[in-house]
């Protein structure tokens, strides 16, 4: 029995290693390439530790412009999607039960529609609206940021609605009814009871909406206009080749994601510990106390260690220079290239010597004296290339023979010599 448990544990750990290796392996490899000196992203062979690709990224105006547009569109998409998703979720709980399934299908439908179709339909629909309203091409209905926010919100709002529906299933409607019985209005009941209960779901939906908007490409391709997002800029740069500055951007995004996840985990664990110790809910949102925060909270320890490592790396990058290492690598490459050229030349020289030896051996083994120039053979053209062929044809003239009839053939002897003279009538 114990052997079976050990085997199951080994299989479980093996599965976890394979799963996380498959999931996080490409991200780790791409992050490492951001610190390697070659101009193309690669992890092996390792050449020199460098931070220059972060500087290249900081000076890339197209990437920076794409990040700015992505942030603006992301914020707008979050606001619109959260509002529409919350309204759809509340309506789903209040609608007539027989229509609930139909309403749910209609609201979820944008998730099932391809992003290309959503982008084209958004562009065509709002263009027709602007034409009907008599607006010019420079109006807000033709603005790339506005159209992208609308196009992305059509399906991201459905994701937000699913998050809100999951949260509303745990809500006790008796609390709202009690507030209404005590004289509160519907607006007061919403702000004082329902909205505080929905705060965790609103935060989760906002993060989900922002990430979905930040990485969206299919819908944005048709709506961005003059405001390309980060994904659009990256797709255009990949067509002409990339450098490790893209890897440095990926490393920054991964680092920010990890820091955000750790901060959320620290706050969640701190809240759980406070509530477990009987502290009031208001005490959880108080000021941060480092000793109390680190006690029983490994996520906070990891967060502090990562923060110290990040600041140390930034300081080291300001003082470190990879120029000497690059010169050494360049010299090593030159020596390797010269060695390869020398090996190729030696191989060719050896092949040439072998051919010469084979040729001399074949000539030494033959005992016949070299003969005069012989005909290369008749071949397909007969003996037209035979030496002296033209001389014989010119030095041996043939005797002139009298003209003979070419023969009767199909026309009899009409072509015979003096045929016309014979056929002439005699004079009487």
Protein backbone atom coordinates (compact mmCIF):
# COMPACT_ATOMS: atom_id res chain seq x y z
CA UNK A 1 0.00 0.00 0.00
CA UNK A 2 2.82 2.35 0.83
CA UNK A 3 4.52 1.54 -2.49
CA UNK A 4 1.33 2.48 -4.33
CA UNK A 5 1.16 5.83 -2.52
CA UNK A 6 4.78 6.55 -3.39
CA UNK A 7 4.12 5.67 -7.03
CA UNK A 8 1.05 7.95 -7.12
CA UNK A 9 3.04 10.82 -5.62
CA UNK A 10 5.80 10.36 -8.18
CA UNK A 11 3.28 10.33 -11.03
CA UNK A 12 1.56 13.42 -9.63
CA UNK A 13 4.82 15.36 -9.38
CA UNK A 14 5.83 14.21 -12.85
CA UNK A 15 2.51 15.40 -14.22
CA UNK A 16 2.86 18.77 -12.50
CA UNK A 17 6.40 19.21 -13.84
CA UNK A 18 5.30 18.37 -17.39
CA UNK A 19 2.21 20.55 -17.16
CA UNK A 20 3.95 23.65 -15.82
CA UNK A 21 6.92 23.05 -18.11
CA UNK A 22 4.59 23.02 -21.10
CA UNK A 23 2.72 26.06 -19.80
CA UNK A 24 5.59 28.22 -18.56
CA UNK A 25 8.53 26.85 -20.57
CA UNK A 26 8.15 29.22 -23.57
CA UNK A 27 7.79 32.21 -21.25
CA UNK A 28 10.96 31.30 -19.35
CA UNK A 29 12.93 30.78 -22.56
CA UNK A 30 11.72 34.08 -23.99
CA UNK A 31 12.61 35.91 -20.78
CA UNK A 32 16.15 34.51 -20.85
CA UNK A 33 16.68 35.62 -24.45
CA UNK A 34 16.12 39.21 -23.33
CA UNK A 35 19.50 39.12 -21.54
CA UNK A 36 21.54 37.45 -24.31
CA UNK A 37 23.61 39.62 -26.64
CA UNK A 38 22.84 38.11 -30.11
CA UNK A 39 20.68 40.25 -32.36
CA UNK A 40 18.16 37.43 -32.82
CA UNK A 41 16.29 36.01 -29.79
CA UNK A 42 18.00 32.77 -28.80
CA UNK A 43 18.99 31.18 -25.53
CA UNK A 44 21.82 28.96 -26.79
CA UNK A 45 24.65 29.41 -27.39
CA UNK A 46 24.96 31.93 -24.59
CA UNK A 47 27.25 34.81 -25.51
CA UNK A 48 27.14 37.82 -23.18
CA UNK A 49 24.92 39.12 -20.42
CA UNK A 50 23.45 42.41 -21.59
CA UNK A 51 20.66 44.85 -20.76
CA UNK A 52 20.85 46.78 -24.01
CA UNK A 53 17.62 45.33 -25.40
CA UNK A 54 15.66 47.08 -22.65
CA UNK A 55 17.23 50.33 -23.83
CA UNK A 56 16.28 49.47 -27.43
CA UNK A 57 12.72 48.88 -26.27
CA UNK A 58 12.64 52.20 -24.39
CA UNK A 59 13.64 54.03 -27.60
CA UNK A 60 11.19 52.21 -29.88
CA UNK A 61 8.52 54.84 -30.55
CA UNK A 62 6.18 52.45 -32.33
CA UNK A 63 6.07 50.01 -29.43
CA UNK A 64 5.63 52.82 -26.91
CA UNK A 65 2.81 54.30 -28.99
CA UNK A 66 1.16 50.88 -29.19
CA UNK A 67 1.39 50.44 -25.42
CA UNK A 68 -0.17 53.86 -24.87
CA UNK A 69 -3.06 53.09 -27.23
CA UNK A 70 -3.55 49.67 -25.63
CA UNK A 71 -3.78 51.22 -22.16
CA UNK A 72 -6.31 53.83 -23.28
CA UNK A 73 -8.44 51.24 -25.08
CA UNK A 74 -8.11 48.84 -22.14
CA UNK A 75 -9.40 51.38 -19.63
CA UNK A 76 -12.32 52.33 -21.89
CA UNK A 77 -13.16 48.68 -22.50
CA UNK A 78 -13.08 47.93 -18.77
CA UNK A 79 -15.50 50.74 -17.96
CA UNK A 80 -17.97 49.87 -20.72
CA UNK A 81 -17.74 46.08 -20.33
CA UNK A 82 -18.13 46.08 -16.54
CA UNK A 83 -21.17 48.33 -16.72
CA UNK A 84 -22.85 46.29 -19.46
CA UNK A 85 -21.92 42.98 -17.84
CA UNK A 86 -23.27 44.02 -14.44
CA UNK A 87 -26.50 45.29 -15.97
CA UNK A 88 -26.92 42.06 -17.96
CA UNK A 89 -26.30 39.93 -14.86
CA UNK A 90 -28.80 41.88 -12.75
CA UNK A 91 -31.40 41.66 -15.50
CA UNK A 92 -30.81 37.91 -15.76
CA UNK A 93 -31.73 37.50 -12.10
CA UNK A 94 -34.85 39.65 -12.44
CA UNK A 95 -36.22 38.43 -15.79
CA UNK A 96 -39.17 36.08 -16.15
CA UNK A 97 -37.86 32.49 -15.62
CA UNK A 98 -39.31 31.21 -18.90
CA UNK A 99 -37.33 33.81 -20.86
CA UNK A 100 -34.15 33.40 -18.82
CA UNK A 101 -32.62 30.68 -21.00
CA UNK A 102 -33.32 32.63 -24.22
CA UNK A 103 -31.94 35.83 -22.75
CA UNK A 104 -28.83 33.99 -21.51
CA UNK A 105 -28.21 32.56 -24.99
CA UNK A 106 -28.51 35.98 -26.63
CA UNK A 107 -26.11 37.61 -24.18
CA UNK A 108 -23.53 34.81 -24.48
CA UNK A 109 -23.72 34.72 -28.30
CA UNK A 110 -20.90 37.32 -28.88
CA UNK A 111 -18.41 34.93 -27.24
CA UNK A 112 -19.17 32.33 -29.91
CA UNK A 113 -18.86 34.76 -32.84
CA UNK A 114 -15.37 35.00 -34.41
CA UNK A 115 -13.50 38.20 -33.62
CA UNK A 116 -13.02 38.94 -37.32
CA UNK A 117 -16.80 39.05 -37.82
CA UNK A 118 -17.22 41.32 -34.80
CA UNK A 119 -14.55 43.71 -36.08
CA UNK A 120 -16.01 43.95 -39.59
CA UNK A 121 -19.57 44.31 -38.32
CA UNK A 122 -18.55 47.04 -35.86
CA UNK A 123 -16.77 48.98 -38.58
CA UNK A 124 -19.62 48.70 -41.10
CA UNK A 125 -22.41 49.39 -38.58
CA UNK A 126 -20.95 52.60 -37.16
CA UNK A 127 -19.93 53.78 -40.61
CA UNK A 128 -23.57 53.46 -41.73
CA UNK A 129 -24.68 55.30 -38.59
CA UNK A 130 -22.30 58.18 -39.33
CA UNK A 131 -23.58 58.37 -42.90
CA UNK A 132 -27.19 58.47 -41.70
CA UNK A 133 -26.32 61.24 -39.24
CA UNK A 134 -24.40 63.17 -41.90
CA UNK A 135 -21.10 63.12 -39.98
CA UNK A 136 -17.73 63.61 -41.66
CA UNK A 137 -14.97 61.04 -41.84
CA UNK A 138 -13.13 62.79 -39.01
CA UNK A 139 -15.98 62.36 -36.51
CA UNK A 140 -15.81 60.23 -33.38
CA UNK A 141 -17.68 57.40 -35.12
CA UNK A 142 -14.63 56.96 -37.37
CA UNK A 143 -12.12 57.25 -34.53
CA UNK A 144 -10.01 54.11 -34.13
CA UNK A 145 -9.97 54.18 -30.34
CA UNK A 146 -13.74 54.63 -30.12
CA UNK A 147 -14.46 51.82 -32.61
CA UNK A 148 -11.98 49.47 -30.93
CA UNK A 149 -13.56 50.02 -27.51
CA UNK A 150 -17.01 49.30 -28.93
CA UNK A 151 -15.83 46.25 -30.87
CA UNK A 152 -14.01 44.69 -27.94
CA UNK A 153 -16.79 45.44 -25.46
CA UNK A 154 -19.32 43.47 -27.52
CA UNK A 155 -17.79 40.16 -26.40
CA UNK A 156 -15.78 41.14 -23.29
CA UNK A 157 -19.01 42.26 -21.61
CA UNK A 158 -20.21 38.66 -21.87
CA UNK A 159 -17.16 37.47 -19.92
CA UNK A 160 -17.88 40.07 -17.25
CA UNK A 161 -21.50 38.98 -17.08
CA UNK A 162 -20.45 35.38 -16.36
CA UNK A 163 -18.30 36.58 -13.45
CA UNK A 164 -21.16 38.64 -12.02
CA UNK A 165 -23.68 35.81 -12.41
CA UNK A 166 -21.40 33.48 -10.46
CA UNK A 167 -21.21 36.05 -7.67
CA UNK A 168 -24.94 36.82 -7.66
CA UNK A 169 -25.77 33.15 -7.11
CA UNK A 170 -24.38 33.54 -3.58
CA UNK A 171 -26.32 36.74 -2.86
CA UNK A 172 -29.20 36.64 -0.38
CA UNK A 173 -32.03 38.64 -1.93
CA UNK A 174 -33.66 38.85 1.48
CA UNK A 175 -31.13 41.55 2.42
CA UNK A 176 -32.38 43.83 -0.35
CA UNK A 177 -36.02 43.10 0.51
CA UNK A 178 -35.34 43.90 4.16
CA UNK A 179 -33.74 47.21 3.21
CA UNK A 180 -36.74 48.09 1.05
CA UNK A 181 -39.13 47.19 3.88
CA UNK A 182 -37.19 49.51 6.19
CA UNK A 183 -37.77 52.43 3.83
CA UNK A 184 -34.70 52.40 1.63
CA UNK A 185 -35.08 53.17 -2.04
CA UNK A 186 -33.91 50.83 -4.78
CA UNK A 187 -30.89 53.05 -5.45
CA UNK A 188 -29.95 53.05 -1.76
CA UNK A 189 -30.35 49.29 -1.54
CA UNK A 190 -28.11 48.90 -4.58
CA UNK A 191 -25.35 51.22 -3.28
CA UNK A 192 -25.44 50.10 0.34
CA UNK A 193 -26.04 46.35 0.01
CA UNK A 194 -25.64 44.90 -3.47
CA UNK A 195 -22.65 46.92 -4.71
CA UNK A 196 -20.41 46.19 -1.69
CA UNK A 197 -21.24 42.53 -2.09
CA UNK A 198 -20.26 42.68 -5.79
CA UNK A 199 -16.92 44.45 -5.25
CA UNK A 200 -14.75 41.31 -5.51
CA UNK A 201 -16.55 40.30 -8.69
CA UNK A 202 -16.18 43.81 -10.10
CA UNK A 203 -12.44 43.70 -9.48
CA UNK A 204 -12.10 40.28 -11.08
CA UNK A 205 -14.20 41.30 -14.07
CA UNK A 206 -12.18 44.49 -14.52
CA UNK A 207 -8.87 42.58 -14.55
CA UNK A 208 -10.30 40.01 -16.95
CA UNK A 209 -11.65 42.73 -19.27
CA UNK A 210 -8.37 44.63 -19.29
CA UNK A 211 -6.28 41.56 -20.09
CA UNK A 212 -8.70 40.45 -22.81
CA UNK A 213 -8.60 43.92 -24.35
CA UNK A 214 -4.82 44.25 -24.06
CA UNK A 215 -4.12 41.02 -25.96
CA UNK A 216 -6.95 41.18 -28.50
CA UNK A 217 -5.91 41.11 -32.15
CA UNK A 218 -8.71 39.74 -34.37
CA UNK A 219 -11.31 42.40 -33.65
CA UNK A 220 -8.78 45.22 -33.33
CA UNK A 221 -7.33 44.51 -36.79
CA UNK A 222 -10.41 46.04 -38.46
CA UNK A 223 -11.15 48.88 -36.06
CA UNK A 224 -7.85 50.48 -34.91
CA UNK A 225 -7.64 53.00 -37.78
CA UNK A 226 -4.77 55.38 -37.02
CA UNK A 227 -4.30 54.12 -33.46
CA UNK A 228 -2.56 50.72 -33.59
CA UNK A 229 -2.40 48.79 -30.36
CA UNK A 230 0.56 46.83 -29.02
CA UNK A 231 -0.57 43.57 -30.60
CA UNK A 232 -0.95 45.25 -33.99
CA UNK A 233 2.54 46.78 -33.77
CA UNK A 234 4.08 43.47 -32.73
CA UNK A 235 2.38 41.65 -35.62
CA UNK A 236 3.70 44.23 -38.08
CA UNK A 237 7.23 44.05 -36.66
CA UNK A 238 7.33 40.25 -36.84
CA UNK A 239 6.78 40.37 -40.60
CA UNK A 240 10.12 42.13 -41.07
CA UNK A 241 12.09 40.24 -38.41
CA UNK A 242 12.43 40.72 -34.68
CA UNK A 243 15.17 41.37 -32.16
CA UNK A 244 15.39 40.56 -28.43
CA UNK A 245 13.69 43.84 -27.53
CA UNK A 246 10.43 41.90 -27.99
CA UNK A 247 11.73 39.43 -25.41
CA UNK A 248 12.47 42.27 -23.02
CA UNK A 249 8.88 43.50 -23.43
CA UNK A 250 7.61 39.99 -22.67
CA UNK A 251 9.84 39.84 -19.59
CA UNK A 252 8.46 43.15 -18.30
CA UNK A 253 4.86 42.01 -18.83
CA UNK A 254 5.54 38.70 -17.07
CA UNK A 255 7.25 40.46 -14.15
CA UNK A 256 4.36 42.91 -13.74
CA UNK A 257 1.87 40.04 -13.85
CA UNK A 258 3.77 38.14 -11.16
CA UNK A 259 4.00 41.22 -8.95
CA UNK A 260 0.29 41.89 -9.35
CA UNK A 261 -0.61 38.30 -8.52
CA UNK A 262 1.62 38.34 -5.43
CA UNK A 263 0.15 41.63 -4.21
CA UNK A 264 -3.35 40.18 -4.57
CA UNK A 265 -2.30 37.02 -2.75
CA UNK A 266 -0.73 39.03 0.08
CA UNK A 267 -3.91 41.04 0.53
CA UNK A 268 -6.11 37.93 0.39
CA UNK A 269 -4.04 36.03 2.95
CA UNK A 270 -3.89 39.06 5.18
CA UNK A 271 -7.67 39.32 5.04
CA UNK A 272 -8.13 35.65 5.84
CA UNK A 273 -5.74 35.81 8.81
CA UNK A 274 -7.45 38.92 10.17
CA UNK A 275 -10.91 37.40 9.93
CA UNK A 276 -9.66 34.11 11.44
CA UNK A 277 -8.30 36.01 14.44
CA UNK A 278 -11.63 37.72 14.99
CA UNK A 279 -10.58 41.16 13.71
CA UNK A 280 -13.30 43.37 12.20
CA UNK A 281 -13.52 43.76 8.45
CA UNK A 282 -12.51 47.43 8.71
CA UNK A 283 -9.18 46.43 10.25
CA UNK A 284 -8.24 44.50 7.12
CA UNK A 285 -8.09 47.65 5.02
CA UNK A 286 -5.88 49.47 7.48
CA UNK A 287 -2.25 50.42 7.07
CA UNK A 288 0.39 47.85 6.28
CA UNK A 289 2.47 46.57 9.16
CA UNK A 290 5.49 44.66 7.85
CA UNK A 291 6.06 42.24 10.76
CA UNK A 292 2.39 41.32 10.97
CA UNK A 293 2.14 41.04 7.19
CA UNK A 294 5.12 38.65 6.96
CA UNK A 295 3.88 36.39 9.75
CA UNK A 296 2.28 33.32 8.18
CA UNK A 297 2.26 34.87 4.72
CA UNK A 298 4.87 33.33 2.37
CA UNK A 299 3.53 35.33 -0.57
CA UNK A 300 4.63 38.54 1.16
CA UNK A 301 8.13 37.14 1.68
CA UNK A 302 8.38 36.16 -2.00
CA UNK A 303 7.10 39.59 -3.01
CA UNK A 304 9.74 41.38 -0.92
CA UNK A 305 12.52 39.14 -2.25
CA UNK A 306 11.44 39.76 -5.82
CA UNK A 307 11.27 43.50 -5.20
CA UNK A 308 14.80 43.51 -3.77
CA UNK A 309 16.00 41.42 -6.72
CA UNK A 310 14.40 43.83 -9.16
CA UNK A 311 15.99 46.90 -7.61
CA UNK A 312 19.37 45.14 -7.46
CA UNK A 313 19.10 44.19 -11.13
CA UNK A 314 18.30 47.78 -12.12
CA UNK A 315 21.30 49.05 -10.16
CA UNK A 316 23.56 46.40 -11.69
CA UNK A 317 22.35 47.28 -15.19
CA UNK A 318 23.40 50.89 -14.67
CA UNK A 319 27.00 49.92 -13.86
CA UNK A 320 27.55 46.84 -16.05
CA UNK A 321 28.99 47.10 -19.57
CA UNK A 322 29.11 44.08 -21.93
CA UNK A 323 31.55 45.69 -24.41
CA UNK A 324 34.58 43.62 -23.35
CA UNK A 325 32.60 40.41 -23.52
CA UNK A 326 31.27 41.30 -26.96
CA UNK A 327 34.80 41.93 -28.26
CA UNK A 328 35.90 38.53 -26.95
CA UNK A 329 32.92 36.80 -28.54
CA UNK A 330 33.55 38.60 -31.83
CA UNK A 331 37.21 37.50 -31.79
CA UNK A 332 36.20 33.91 -31.05
CA UNK A 333 33.75 33.95 -33.95
CA UNK A 334 36.47 35.27 -36.26
CA UNK A 335 38.88 32.52 -35.22
CA UNK A 336 36.21 29.85 -35.67
CA UNK A 337 35.37 31.21 -39.11
CA UNK A 338 39.03 31.21 -40.15
CA UNK A 339 39.41 27.65 -38.90
CA UNK A 340 36.42 26.55 -40.95
CA UNK A 341 37.77 28.27 -44.06
CA UNK A 342 41.15 26.57 -43.55
CA UNK A 343 39.50 23.19 -43.14
CA UNK A 344 37.49 23.67 -46.33
CA UNK A 345 40.62 24.66 -48.28
CA UNK A 346 42.54 21.65 -46.98
CA UNK A 347 39.69 19.34 -47.92
CA UNK A 348 39.55 20.74 -51.44
CA UNK A 349 43.33 20.46 -51.80
CA UNK A 350 43.18 16.81 -50.68
CA UNK A 351 40.42 16.04 -53.17
CA UNK A 352 42.44 17.68 -55.96
CA UNK A 353 45.54 15.60 -55.10
CA UNK A 354 43.49 12.40 -55.11
CA UNK A 355 42.13 13.21 -58.56
CA UNK A 356 45.64 13.90 -59.88
CA UNK A 357 46.94 10.60 -58.46
CA UNK A 358 44.07 8.69 -60.03
CA UNK A 359 44.77 10.34 -63.39
CA UNK A 360 48.52 9.57 -63.31
CA UNK A 361 47.84 5.95 -62.32
CA UNK A 362 45.50 5.45 -65.25
CA UNK A 363 48.01 6.92 -67.76
CA UNK A 364 50.96 4.88 -66.34
CA UNK A 365 49.10 1.58 -66.56
CA UNK A 366 48.45 1.84 -70.36
CA UNK A 367 51.32 0.47 -72.63
CA UNK A 368 50.01 1.58 -76.01
CA UNK A 369 51.69 4.52 -77.68
CA UNK A 370 49.69 7.63 -78.10
CA UNK A 371 47.94 7.43 -81.45
CA UNK A 372 47.01 10.16 -83.81
CA UNK A 373 43.84 12.05 -83.52
CA UNK A 374 40.97 9.69 -84.00
CA UNK A 375 37.42 10.26 -84.84
CA UNK A 376 35.16 10.73 -81.83
CA UNK A 377 32.85 8.18 -83.40
CA UNK A 378 29.85 8.39 -85.59
CA UNK A 379 27.21 8.79 -82.92
CA UNK A 380 23.90 10.22 -83.97
CA UNK A 381 25.48 12.37 -86.73
CA UNK A 382 27.35 9.62 -88.59
CA UNK A 383 30.98 10.38 -89.60
CA UNK A 384 30.51 14.08 -90.19
CA UNK A 385 33.14 14.84 -87.51
CA UNK A 386 35.74 12.44 -88.97
CA UNK A 387 39.16 14.11 -89.55
CA UNK A 388 39.81 14.92 -93.21
CA UNK A 389 36.20 14.44 -94.14
CA UNK A 390 36.00 17.79 -95.84
CA UNK A 391 39.39 17.32 -97.57
CA UNK A 392 38.30 14.09 -99.28
CA UNK A 393 35.13 15.69 -100.43
CA UNK A 394 37.06 18.50 -102.12
CA UNK A 395 40.18 16.64 -103.44
CA UNK A 396 38.35 13.76 -105.18
CA UNK A 397 36.14 15.40 -107.79
CA UNK A 398 33.77 13.10 -109.54
CA UNK A 399 33.46 12.91 -113.33
CA UNK A 400 30.63 14.78 -114.89
CA UNK A 401 27.91 12.48 -116.09
CA UNK A 402 25.28 13.41 -118.58
CA UNK A 403 22.00 14.41 -117.23
CA UNK A 404 19.67 11.52 -116.87
CA UNK A 405 16.02 11.34 -116.41
CA UNK A 406 15.05 11.39 -112.76
CA UNK A 407 12.66 8.57 -113.57
CA UNK A 408 9.07 8.37 -114.49
CA UNK A 409 7.52 8.15 -111.12
CA UNK A 410 3.89 8.99 -110.83
CA UNK A 411 4.03 11.47 -113.77
CA UNK A 412 5.61 9.21 -116.35
CA UNK A 413 8.57 10.63 -118.37
CA UNK A 414 7.37 14.20 -118.44
CA UNK A 415 10.63 15.30 -116.77
CA UNK A 416 12.90 13.42 -119.22
CA UNK A 417 15.59 15.54 -121.08
CA UNK A 418 14.54 16.89 -124.48
CA UNK A 419 10.99 15.82 -123.76
CA UNK A 420 9.66 19.09 -125.04
CA UNK A 421 11.70 18.78 -128.26
CA UNK A 422 10.21 15.36 -128.95
CA UNK A 423 6.76 16.56 -128.22
CA UNK A 424 7.08 19.52 -130.70
CA UNK A 425 5.02 18.94 -133.92
CA UNK A 426 6.95 18.48 -137.20
CA UNK A 427 6.54 21.03 -139.98
CA UNK A 428 4.98 19.74 -143.13
